[in-house]
């Protein structure tokens, strides 16, 4: 299994700081947001990880964080600060990183990282993960590892992680509407901010999906949505019309770090949970 982590967004909700700093590199305590996504992918068994970045400075920051900096390591070692560097040094041994640039052209959207990473994925199953949000768990577990295990148990070709919200809040989200089959919840359709949702709870997409390699064909056949974006959910819904896609509720607390309020809330939650590393 491989992993594709998407961090190529423009960061417009974080402007003006988003002009220079990739939002996935903003810290949750002392680690960038994307480091938590990487750790979750590793826990799920992914040892080959592609990070799809924007061109230029935002991409350089990500490459630097996940690559060995020999000069910095030697500097810390000479001063007896090896433990400080250990948090990033461990990353270099846990996974092999490939860095891909998503062109800034007339195409934009959450489906493009998978398309850009097609050669990297080759014939393997792959996790497709957004690098600017956070799942916090107090039990030390991994929601992506749980997602993989749940897909295997259900004998489904694909699985989609979902956060659970009260049905009264369904109108605020795109809702993953399930159908029951053999004791499992399978993806039926996506409901865009439905009014008067009749169920007590609802599943929302949190951009963590485990797919087989042949699902790439559904990404590559996409046409733009009405908003002009190439949307990963459209590809997954199309795949679900032909194949079973398991909906797996996550145990962790989901935080959208793609906007200042969500990022601040994630930091507060991480501080309370004691997620500081190193």
C-alpha atoms as a PDB file:
ATOM      1  CA  UNK A   1       0.000   0.000   0.000  1.00  0.00           C
ATOM      2  CA  UNK A   2       1.198   3.494  -0.898  1.00  0.00           C
ATOM      3  CA  UNK A   3       0.023   6.896   0.276  1.00  0.00           C
ATOM      4  CA  UNK A   4      -0.608  10.138  -1.578  1.00  0.00           C
ATOM      5  CA  UNK A   5      -0.819  13.225   0.619  1.00  0.00           C
ATOM      6  CA  UNK A   6      -2.283  16.339  -0.983  1.00  0.00           C
ATOM      7  CA  UNK A   7      -0.813  19.698   0.071  1.00  0.00           C
ATOM      8  CA  UNK A   8      -0.950  21.674  -3.177  1.00  0.00           C
ATOM      9  CA  UNK A   9      -3.746  24.078  -2.267  1.00  0.00           C
ATOM     10  CA  UNK A  10      -3.367  27.836  -2.592  1.00  0.00           C
ATOM     11  CA  UNK A  11      -3.954  28.497   1.114  1.00  0.00           C
ATOM     12  CA  UNK A  12      -6.211  31.434   0.279  1.00  0.00           C
ATOM     13  CA  UNK A  13      -8.005  31.264   3.646  1.00  0.00           C
ATOM     14  CA  UNK A  14      -4.663  31.891   5.350  1.00  0.00           C
ATOM     15  CA  UNK A  15      -3.644  34.911   3.288  1.00  0.00           C
ATOM     16  CA  UNK A  16      -1.465  36.842   3.555  1.00  0.00           C
ATOM     17  CA  UNK A  17       0.694  34.286   5.443  1.00  0.00           C
ATOM     18  CA  UNK A  18      -0.526  31.645   2.989  1.00  0.00           C
ATOM     19  CA  UNK A  19       1.396  33.392   0.219  1.00  0.00           C
ATOM     20  CA  UNK A  20       4.695  32.100   1.580  1.00  0.00           C
ATOM     21  CA  UNK A  21       3.934  29.367   4.118  1.00  0.00           C
ATOM     22  CA  UNK A  22       2.162  26.230   2.999  1.00  0.00           C
ATOM     23  CA  UNK A  23      -0.824  25.803   5.335  1.00  0.00           C
ATOM     24  CA  UNK A  24       0.128  22.164   5.867  1.00  0.00           C
ATOM     25  CA  UNK A  25       3.374  23.428   7.439  1.00  0.00           C
ATOM     26  CA  UNK A  26       1.606  25.521  10.067  1.00  0.00           C
ATOM     27  CA  UNK A  27       2.288  23.975  13.474  1.00  0.00           C
ATOM     28  CA  UNK A  28       0.045  21.915  15.644  1.00  0.00           C
ATOM     29  CA  UNK A  29       2.123  22.494  18.783  1.00  0.00           C
ATOM     30  CA  UNK A  30       5.663  21.674  17.609  1.00  0.00           C
ATOM     31  CA  UNK A  31       4.879  19.652  14.477  1.00  0.00           C
ATOM     32  CA  UNK A  32       3.432  20.747  11.134  1.00  0.00           C
ATOM     33  CA  UNK A  33      -0.095  19.571  10.380  1.00  0.00           C
ATOM     34  CA  UNK A  34       1.115  17.307   7.576  1.00  0.00           C
ATOM     35  CA  UNK A  35       3.433  15.385   9.930  1.00  0.00           C
ATOM     36  CA  UNK A  36       0.381  13.984  11.720  1.00  0.00           C
ATOM     37  CA  UNK A  37      -1.033  12.745   8.403  1.00  0.00           C
ATOM     38  CA  UNK A  38       2.302  11.128   7.555  1.00  0.00           C
ATOM     39  CA  UNK A  39       2.430   9.376  10.927  1.00  0.00           C
ATOM     40  CA  UNK A  40      -1.097   8.032  10.371  1.00  0.00           C
ATOM     41  CA  UNK A  41      -0.140   6.708   6.912  1.00  0.00           C
ATOM     42  CA  UNK A  42       2.931   4.976   8.351  1.00  0.00           C
ATOM     43  CA  UNK A  43       0.829   3.433  11.129  1.00  0.00           C
ATOM     44  CA  UNK A  44      -1.502   2.057   8.442  1.00  0.00           C
ATOM     45  CA  UNK A  45       1.417   0.320   6.727  1.00  0.00           C
ATOM     46  CA  UNK A  46       2.303   2.776   3.952  1.00  0.00           C
ATOM     47  CA  UNK A  47       6.077   2.947   3.541  1.00  0.00           C
ATOM     48  CA  UNK A  48       6.129   4.720   0.175  1.00  0.00           C
ATOM     49  CA  UNK A  49       4.578   8.159   0.485  1.00  0.00           C
ATOM     50  CA  UNK A  50       4.144  10.763  -2.244  1.00  0.00           C
ATOM     51  CA  UNK A  51       3.525  14.335  -1.119  1.00  0.00           C
ATOM     52  CA  UNK A  52       1.949  16.414  -3.868  1.00  0.00           C
ATOM     53  CA  UNK A  53       2.896  20.053  -3.442  1.00  0.00           C
ATOM     54  CA  UNK A  54       2.443  23.338  -5.243  1.00  0.00           C
ATOM     55  CA  UNK A  55       5.453  24.583  -7.220  1.00  0.00           C
ATOM     56  CA  UNK A  56       7.928  26.996  -5.658  1.00  0.00           C
ATOM     57  CA  UNK A  57       8.465  27.983  -2.034  1.00  0.00           C
ATOM     58  CA  UNK A  58       5.517  26.105  -0.444  1.00  0.00           C
ATOM     59  CA  UNK A  59       6.769  22.869  -1.975  1.00  0.00           C
ATOM     60  CA  UNK A  60      10.351  23.539  -0.913  1.00  0.00           C
ATOM     61  CA  UNK A  61       9.284  23.818   2.735  1.00  0.00           C
ATOM     62  CA  UNK A  62       7.625  20.403   2.650  1.00  0.00           C
ATOM     63  CA  UNK A  63      10.573  18.761   0.889  1.00  0.00           C
ATOM     64  CA  UNK A  64      13.003  20.206   3.431  1.00  0.00           C
ATOM     65  CA  UNK A  65      11.006  18.968   6.424  1.00  0.00           C
ATOM     66  CA  UNK A  66      10.814  15.390   5.150  1.00  0.00           C
ATOM     67  CA  UNK A  67      14.412  15.197   3.894  1.00  0.00           C
ATOM     68  CA  UNK A  68      17.659  14.779   5.796  1.00  0.00           C
ATOM     69  CA  UNK A  69      19.399  18.046   6.717  1.00  0.00           C
ATOM     70  CA  UNK A  70      22.908  16.822   7.471  1.00  0.00           C
ATOM     71  CA  UNK A  71      24.249  20.214   8.487  1.00  0.00           C
ATOM     72  CA  UNK A  72      21.437  20.809  10.964  1.00  0.00           C
ATOM     73  CA  UNK A  73      21.728  17.277  12.339  1.00  0.00           C
ATOM     74  CA  UNK A  74      25.474  17.681  12.885  1.00  0.00           C
ATOM     75  CA  UNK A  75      24.908  21.052  14.562  1.00  0.00           C
ATOM     76  CA  UNK A  76      22.435  19.549  17.025  1.00  0.00           C
ATOM     77  CA  UNK A  77      24.644  16.510  17.652  1.00  0.00           C
ATOM     78  CA  UNK A  78      27.688  18.652  18.423  1.00  0.00           C
ATOM     79  CA  UNK A  79      25.692  20.375  21.152  1.00  0.00           C
ATOM     80  CA  UNK A  80      24.157  17.235  22.602  1.00  0.00           C
ATOM     81  CA  UNK A  81      20.702  18.027  21.233  1.00  0.00           C
ATOM     82  CA  UNK A  82      20.161  14.730  19.403  1.00  0.00           C
ATOM     83  CA  UNK A  83      16.747  14.305  20.994  1.00  0.00           C
ATOM     84  CA  UNK A  84      15.545  17.531  19.406  1.00  0.00           C
ATOM     85  CA  UNK A  85      16.396  16.267  15.930  1.00  0.00           C
ATOM     86  CA  UNK A  86      15.076  12.760  16.601  1.00  0.00           C
ATOM     87  CA  UNK A  87      11.454  13.691  15.823  1.00  0.00           C
ATOM     88  CA  UNK A  88      12.321  14.379  12.180  1.00  0.00           C
ATOM     89  CA  UNK A  89      15.129  11.824  11.925  1.00  0.00           C
ATOM     90  CA  UNK A  90      12.628   9.067  12.670  1.00  0.00           C
ATOM     91  CA  UNK A  91      10.542  10.151   9.682  1.00  0.00           C
ATOM     92  CA  UNK A  92      13.436   9.470   7.329  1.00  0.00           C
ATOM     93  CA  UNK A  93      13.672   5.841   8.454  1.00  0.00           C
ATOM     94  CA  UNK A  94       9.957   5.088   8.622  1.00  0.00           C
ATOM     95  CA  UNK A  95       9.093   5.888   5.019  1.00  0.00           C
ATOM     96  CA  UNK A  96      10.496   6.716   1.608  1.00  0.00           C
ATOM     97  CA  UNK A  97       9.223  10.056   0.358  1.00  0.00           C
ATOM     98  CA  UNK A  98       8.549  11.116  -3.216  1.00  0.00           C
ATOM     99  CA  UNK A  99       7.789  14.777  -3.898  1.00  0.00           C
ATOM    100  CA  UNK A 100       5.573  15.666  -6.847  1.00  0.00           C
ATOM    101  CA  UNK A 101       4.544  19.108  -8.052  1.00  0.00           C
ATOM    102  CA  UNK A 102       0.987  19.839  -9.078  1.00  0.00           C
ATOM    103  CA  UNK A 103       1.089  22.341 -11.942  1.00  0.00           C
ATOM    104  CA  UNK A 104      -0.663  25.656 -11.586  1.00  0.00           C
ATOM    105  CA  UNK A 105      -2.725  25.599 -14.737  1.00  0.00           C
ATOM    106  CA  UNK A 106      -6.413  25.767 -15.555  1.00  0.00           C
ATOM    107  CA  UNK A 107      -7.191  22.618 -13.536  1.00  0.00           C
ATOM    108  CA  UNK A 108      -7.772  22.757  -9.802  1.00  0.00           C
ATOM    109  CA  UNK A 109      -9.331  20.511  -7.207  1.00  0.00           C
ATOM    110  CA  UNK A 110      -8.967  17.634  -4.777  1.00  0.00           C
ATOM    111  CA  UNK A 111      -8.800  14.975  -7.517  1.00  0.00           C
ATOM    112  CA  UNK A 112      -5.620  16.295  -9.106  1.00  0.00           C
ATOM    113  CA  UNK A 113      -3.093  14.894  -6.578  1.00  0.00           C
ATOM    114  CA  UNK A 114      -4.161  11.332  -7.412  1.00  0.00           C
ATOM    115  CA  UNK A 115      -3.897  12.105 -11.139  1.00  0.00           C
ATOM    116  CA  UNK A 116      -0.454  13.674 -10.694  1.00  0.00           C
ATOM    117  CA  UNK A 117       0.661  10.628  -8.680  1.00  0.00           C
ATOM    118  CA  UNK A 118      -0.585   8.013 -11.157  1.00  0.00           C
ATOM    119  CA  UNK A 119       2.917   6.770 -12.070  1.00  0.00           C
ATOM    120  CA  UNK A 120       3.886   6.662  -8.388  1.00  0.00           C
ATOM    121  CA  UNK A 121       0.793   4.606  -7.511  1.00  0.00           C
ATOM    122  CA  UNK A 122       1.433   2.195 -10.374  1.00  0.00           C
ATOM    123  CA  UNK A 123      -0.518  -0.987  -9.554  1.00  0.00           C
ATOM    124  CA  UNK A 124      -0.761  -0.634  -5.789  1.00  0.00           C
ATOM    125  CA  UNK A 125      -3.578   0.182  -3.406  1.00  0.00           C
ATOM    126  CA  UNK A 126      -3.223   3.730  -2.165  1.00  0.00           C
ATOM    127  CA  UNK A 127      -4.335   6.040   0.597  1.00  0.00           C
ATOM    128  CA  UNK A 128      -5.441   9.477  -0.605  1.00  0.00           C
ATOM    129  CA  UNK A 129      -5.156  11.905   2.295  1.00  0.00           C
ATOM    130  CA  UNK A 130      -5.483  15.666   2.723  1.00  0.00           C
ATOM    131  CA  UNK A 131      -2.458  17.085   4.515  1.00  0.00           C
ATOM    132  CA  UNK A 132      -4.145  20.094   6.095  1.00  0.00           C
ATOM    133  CA  UNK A 133      -6.490  18.476   8.587  1.00  0.00           C
ATOM    134  CA  UNK A 134      -6.044  16.507  11.764  1.00  0.00           C
ATOM    135  CA  UNK A 135      -7.424  13.479  13.563  1.00  0.00           C
ATOM    136  CA  UNK A 136      -6.568  13.446  17.271  1.00  0.00           C
ATOM    137  CA  UNK A 137      -6.878  10.272  19.301  1.00  0.00           C
ATOM    138  CA  UNK A 138      -6.260   9.965  23.003  1.00  0.00           C
ATOM    139  CA  UNK A 139      -5.696   6.195  22.879  1.00  0.00           C
ATOM    140  CA  UNK A 140      -2.615   6.259  20.631  1.00  0.00           C
ATOM    141  CA  UNK A 141      -4.436   4.454  17.828  1.00  0.00           C
ATOM    142  CA  UNK A 142      -4.448   5.171  14.097  1.00  0.00           C
ATOM    143  CA  UNK A 143      -7.642   5.842  12.182  1.00  0.00           C
ATOM    144  CA  UNK A 144      -5.975   4.985   8.875  1.00  0.00           C
ATOM    145  CA  UNK A 145      -4.807   1.651  10.279  1.00  0.00           C
ATOM    146  CA  UNK A 146      -8.382   1.058  11.429  1.00  0.00           C
ATOM    147  CA  UNK A 147      -9.655   2.047   7.973  1.00  0.00           C
ATOM    148  CA  UNK A 148      -7.386  -0.509   6.317  1.00  0.00           C
ATOM    149  CA  UNK A 149      -8.390  -3.240   8.762  1.00  0.00           C
ATOM    150  CA  UNK A 150     -12.088  -2.452   8.296  1.00  0.00           C
ATOM    151  CA  UNK A 151     -11.797  -2.647   4.514  1.00  0.00           C
ATOM    152  CA  UNK A 152     -10.140  -6.065   4.798  1.00  0.00           C
ATOM    153  CA  UNK A 153     -12.786  -7.314   7.213  1.00  0.00           C
ATOM    154  CA  UNK A 154     -15.575  -6.144   4.907  1.00  0.00           C
ATOM    155  CA  UNK A 155     -13.839  -7.575   1.810  1.00  0.00           C
ATOM    156  CA  UNK A 156     -14.522  -4.251   0.071  1.00  0.00           C
ATOM    157  CA  UNK A 157     -12.228  -2.898  -2.650  1.00  0.00           C
ATOM    158  CA  UNK A 158     -12.293   0.625  -1.165  1.00  0.00           C
ATOM    159  CA  UNK A 159     -13.009   2.390   2.107  1.00  0.00           C
ATOM    160  CA  UNK A 160     -13.782   5.963   3.029  1.00  0.00           C
ATOM    161  CA  UNK A 161     -13.143   7.496   6.466  1.00  0.00           C
ATOM    162  CA  UNK A 162     -16.025   9.511   7.860  1.00  0.00           C
ATOM    163  CA  UNK A 163     -16.572  11.762  10.837  1.00  0.00           C
ATOM    164  CA  UNK A 164     -19.965  11.574  12.526  1.00  0.00           C
ATOM    165  CA  UNK A 165     -22.047  14.700  13.173  1.00  0.00           C
ATOM    166  CA  UNK A 166     -25.567  15.173  14.555  1.00  0.00           C
ATOM    167  CA  UNK A 167     -28.254  14.962  11.882  1.00  0.00           C
ATOM    168  CA  UNK A 168     -29.362  18.465  12.828  1.00  0.00           C
ATOM    169  CA  UNK A 169     -26.010  19.741  11.500  1.00  0.00           C
ATOM    170  CA  UNK A 170     -26.184  17.852   8.197  1.00  0.00           C
ATOM    171  CA  UNK A 171     -27.144  21.020   6.315  1.00  0.00           C
ATOM    172  CA  UNK A 172     -23.632  22.359   6.925  1.00  0.00           C
ATOM    173  CA  UNK A 173     -21.835  19.532   5.123  1.00  0.00           C
ATOM    174  CA  UNK A 174     -21.723  17.232   2.160  1.00  0.00           C
ATOM    175  CA  UNK A 175     -23.163  14.016   3.590  1.00  0.00           C
ATOM    176  CA  UNK A 176     -22.002  10.494   2.741  1.00  0.00           C
ATOM    177  CA  UNK A 177     -25.313   8.685   2.465  1.00  0.00           C
ATOM    178  CA  UNK A 178     -24.935   4.952   3.163  1.00  0.00           C
ATOM    179  CA  UNK A 179     -26.723   1.809   2.126  1.00  0.00           C
ATOM    180  CA  UNK A 180     -26.632  -1.255   4.327  1.00  0.00           C
ATOM    181  CA  UNK A 181     -25.241  -4.503   2.938  1.00  0.00           C
ATOM    182  CA  UNK A 182     -24.128  -7.610   4.826  1.00  0.00           C
ATOM    183  CA  UNK A 183     -23.898  -5.686   8.066  1.00  0.00           C
ATOM    184  CA  UNK A 184     -21.732  -2.929   6.588  1.00  0.00           C
ATOM    185  CA  UNK A 185     -22.358   0.698   5.647  1.00  0.00           C
ATOM    186  CA  UNK A 186     -21.503   1.201   1.971  1.00  0.00           C
ATOM    187  CA  UNK A 187     -21.387   4.479   0.101  1.00  0.00           C
ATOM    188  CA  UNK A 188     -24.574   5.121  -1.849  1.00  0.00           C
ATOM    189  CA  UNK A 189     -24.426   8.807  -2.759  1.00  0.00           C
ATOM    190  CA  UNK A 190     -23.203  12.221  -1.671  1.00  0.00           C
ATOM    191  CA  UNK A 191     -25.853  14.649  -0.454  1.00  0.00           C
ATOM    192  CA  UNK A 192     -24.791  18.277  -0.764  1.00  0.00           C
ATOM    193  CA  UNK A 193     -25.804  20.117   2.442  1.00  0.00           C
ATOM    194  CA  UNK A 194     -29.235  18.508   2.710  1.00  0.00           C
ATOM    195  CA  UNK A 195     -32.064  20.279   4.505  1.00  0.00           C
ATOM    196  CA  UNK A 196     -34.240  18.352   6.965  1.00  0.00           C
ATOM    197  CA  UNK A 197     -31.935  15.329   7.090  1.00  0.00           C
ATOM    198  CA  UNK A 198     -34.049  12.664   8.751  1.00  0.00           C
ATOM    199  CA  UNK A 199     -31.409  10.538  10.499  1.00  0.00           C
ATOM    200  CA  UNK A 200     -30.107  11.201  14.050  1.00  0.00           C
ATOM    201  CA  UNK A 201     -26.479  11.248  12.838  1.00  0.00           C
ATOM    202  CA  UNK A 202     -24.731  11.845   9.531  1.00  0.00           C
ATOM    203  CA  UNK A 203     -21.385  10.892   7.995  1.00  0.00           C
ATOM    204  CA  UNK A 204     -19.161  13.605   6.532  1.00  0.00           C
ATOM    205  CA  UNK A 205     -16.189  13.124   4.255  1.00  0.00           C
ATOM    206  CA  UNK A 206     -12.806  13.954   5.828  1.00  0.00           C
ATOM    207  CA  UNK A 207     -10.570  13.337   2.782  1.00  0.00           C
ATOM    208  CA  UNK A 208      -9.088  10.018   3.878  1.00  0.00           C
ATOM    209  CA  UNK A 209      -9.740   7.251   1.386  1.00  0.00           C
ATOM    210  CA  UNK A 210      -8.211   3.841   0.681  1.00  0.00           C
ATOM    211  CA  UNK A 211      -8.550   2.846  -2.963  1.00  0.00           C
ATOM    212  CA  UNK A 212      -7.346   0.145  -5.343  1.00  0.00           C
ATOM    213  CA  UNK A 213      -5.125   1.169  -8.235  1.00  0.00           C
ATOM    214  CA  UNK A 214      -7.878   0.689 -10.817  1.00  0.00           C
ATOM    215  CA  UNK A 215      -9.857   3.483  -9.143  1.00  0.00           C
ATOM    216  CA  UNK A 216      -7.424   5.889 -10.821  1.00  0.00           C
ATOM    217  CA  UNK A 217      -9.361   5.457 -14.056  1.00  0.00           C
ATOM    218  CA  UNK A 218     -12.330   7.199 -12.420  1.00  0.00           C
ATOM    219  CA  UNK A 219     -10.126  10.156 -11.483  1.00  0.00           C
ATOM    220  CA  UNK A 220      -8.652  10.390 -14.964  1.00  0.00           C
ATOM    221  CA  UNK A 221     -12.109  10.460 -16.598  1.00  0.00           C
ATOM    222  CA  UNK A 222     -13.383  13.321 -14.428  1.00  0.00           C
ATOM    223  CA  UNK A 223     -14.813  16.481 -15.883  1.00  0.00           C
ATOM    224  CA  UNK A 224     -15.049  19.701 -13.843  1.00  0.00           C
ATOM    225  CA  UNK A 225     -17.850  20.079 -11.326  1.00  0.00           C
ATOM    226  CA  UNK A 226     -20.164  23.111 -11.655  1.00  0.00           C
ATOM    227  CA  UNK A 227     -17.722  25.109  -9.507  1.00  0.00           C
ATOM    228  CA  UNK A 228     -14.953  24.360 -12.017  1.00  0.00           C
ATOM    229  CA  UNK A 229     -13.033  21.992  -9.725  1.00  0.00           C
ATOM    230  CA  UNK A 230     -11.994  18.409 -10.325  1.00  0.00           C
ATOM    231  CA  UNK A 231     -13.341  16.832  -7.143  1.00  0.00           C
ATOM    232  CA  UNK A 232     -12.087  13.593  -5.600  1.00  0.00           C
ATOM    233  CA  UNK A 233     -15.547  12.891  -4.187  1.00  0.00           C
ATOM    234  CA  UNK A 234     -16.958  12.810  -7.724  1.00  0.00           C
ATOM    235  CA  UNK A 235     -14.439  10.116  -8.670  1.00  0.00           C
ATOM    236  CA  UNK A 236     -15.166   8.094  -5.526  1.00  0.00           C
ATOM    237  CA  UNK A 237     -18.937   8.334  -6.059  1.00  0.00           C
ATOM    238  CA  UNK A 238     -18.493   7.149  -9.647  1.00  0.00           C
ATOM    239  CA  UNK A 239     -16.338   4.260  -8.414  1.00  0.00           C
ATOM    240  CA  UNK A 240     -18.998   3.407  -5.807  1.00  0.00           C
ATOM    241  CA  UNK A 241     -21.601   2.968  -8.544  1.00  0.00           C
ATOM    242  CA  UNK A 242     -19.564   0.022  -9.839  1.00  0.00           C
ATOM    243  CA  UNK A 243     -17.869  -1.248  -6.664  1.00  0.00           C
ATOM    244  CA  UNK A 244     -18.464  -1.419  -2.930  1.00  0.00           C
ATOM    245  CA  UNK A 245     -16.957   1.466  -0.940  1.00  0.00           C
ATOM    246  CA  UNK A 246     -17.059   0.959   2.805  1.00  0.00           C
ATOM    247  CA  UNK A 247     -17.913   3.952   5.015  1.00  0.00           C
ATOM    248  CA  UNK A 248     -15.803   3.680   8.167  1.00  0.00           C
ATOM    249  CA  UNK A 249     -16.524   6.065  11.080  1.00  0.00           C
ATOM    250  CA  UNK A 250     -13.303   7.303  12.671  1.00  0.00           C
ATOM    251  CA  UNK A 251     -12.566   7.213  16.383  1.00  0.00           C
ATOM    252  CA  UNK A 252     -10.422  10.361  16.417  1.00  0.00           C
ATOM    253  CA  UNK A 253     -11.610  13.920  16.787  1.00  0.00           C
ATOM    254  CA  UNK A 254     -11.563  15.610  13.381  1.00  0.00           C
ATOM    255  CA  UNK A 255     -10.207  19.145  12.965  1.00  0.00           C
ATOM    256  CA  UNK A 256     -10.218  21.129   9.721  1.00  0.00           C
ATOM    257  CA  UNK A 257      -6.906  23.003   9.844  1.00  0.00           C
ATOM    258  CA  UNK A 258      -7.460  24.606   6.449  1.00  0.00           C
ATOM    259  CA  UNK A 259      -8.803  27.794   8.013  1.00  0.00           C
ATOM    260  CA  UNK A 260      -7.531  29.923  10.924  1.00  0.00           C
ATOM    261  CA  UNK A 261     -10.383  29.092  13.305  1.00  0.00           C
ATOM    262  CA  UNK A 262     -10.057  25.347  12.696  1.00  0.00           C
ATOM    263  CA  UNK A 263      -6.278  25.469  13.022  1.00  0.00           C
ATOM    264  CA  UNK A 264      -6.523  27.337  16.323  1.00  0.00           C
ATOM    265  CA  UNK A 265      -9.098  24.860  17.657  1.00  0.00           C
ATOM    266  CA  UNK A 266      -6.824  21.978  16.643  1.00  0.00           C
ATOM    267  CA  UNK A 267      -3.913  23.499  18.571  1.00  0.00           C
ATOM    268  CA  UNK A 268      -6.062  23.927  21.658  1.00  0.00           C
ATOM    269  CA  UNK A 269      -7.270  20.336  21.404  1.00  0.00           C
ATOM    270  CA  UNK A 270      -3.746  19.008  20.875  1.00  0.00           C
ATOM    271  CA  UNK A 271      -2.473  20.972  23.870  1.00  0.00           C
ATOM    272  CA  UNK A 272      -5.198  19.510  26.059  1.00  0.00           C
ATOM    273  CA  UNK A 273      -4.466  15.974  24.827  1.00  0.00           C
ATOM    274  CA  UNK A 274      -0.712  16.297  25.400  1.00  0.00           C
ATOM    275  CA  UNK A 275       0.264  15.689  21.759  1.00  0.00           C
ATOM    276  CA  UNK A 276       3.615  17.530  22.028  1.00  0.00           C
ATOM    277  CA  UNK A 277       6.444  15.557  20.401  1.00  0.00           C
ATOM    278  CA  UNK A 278      10.114  15.554  21.303  1.00  0.00           C
END
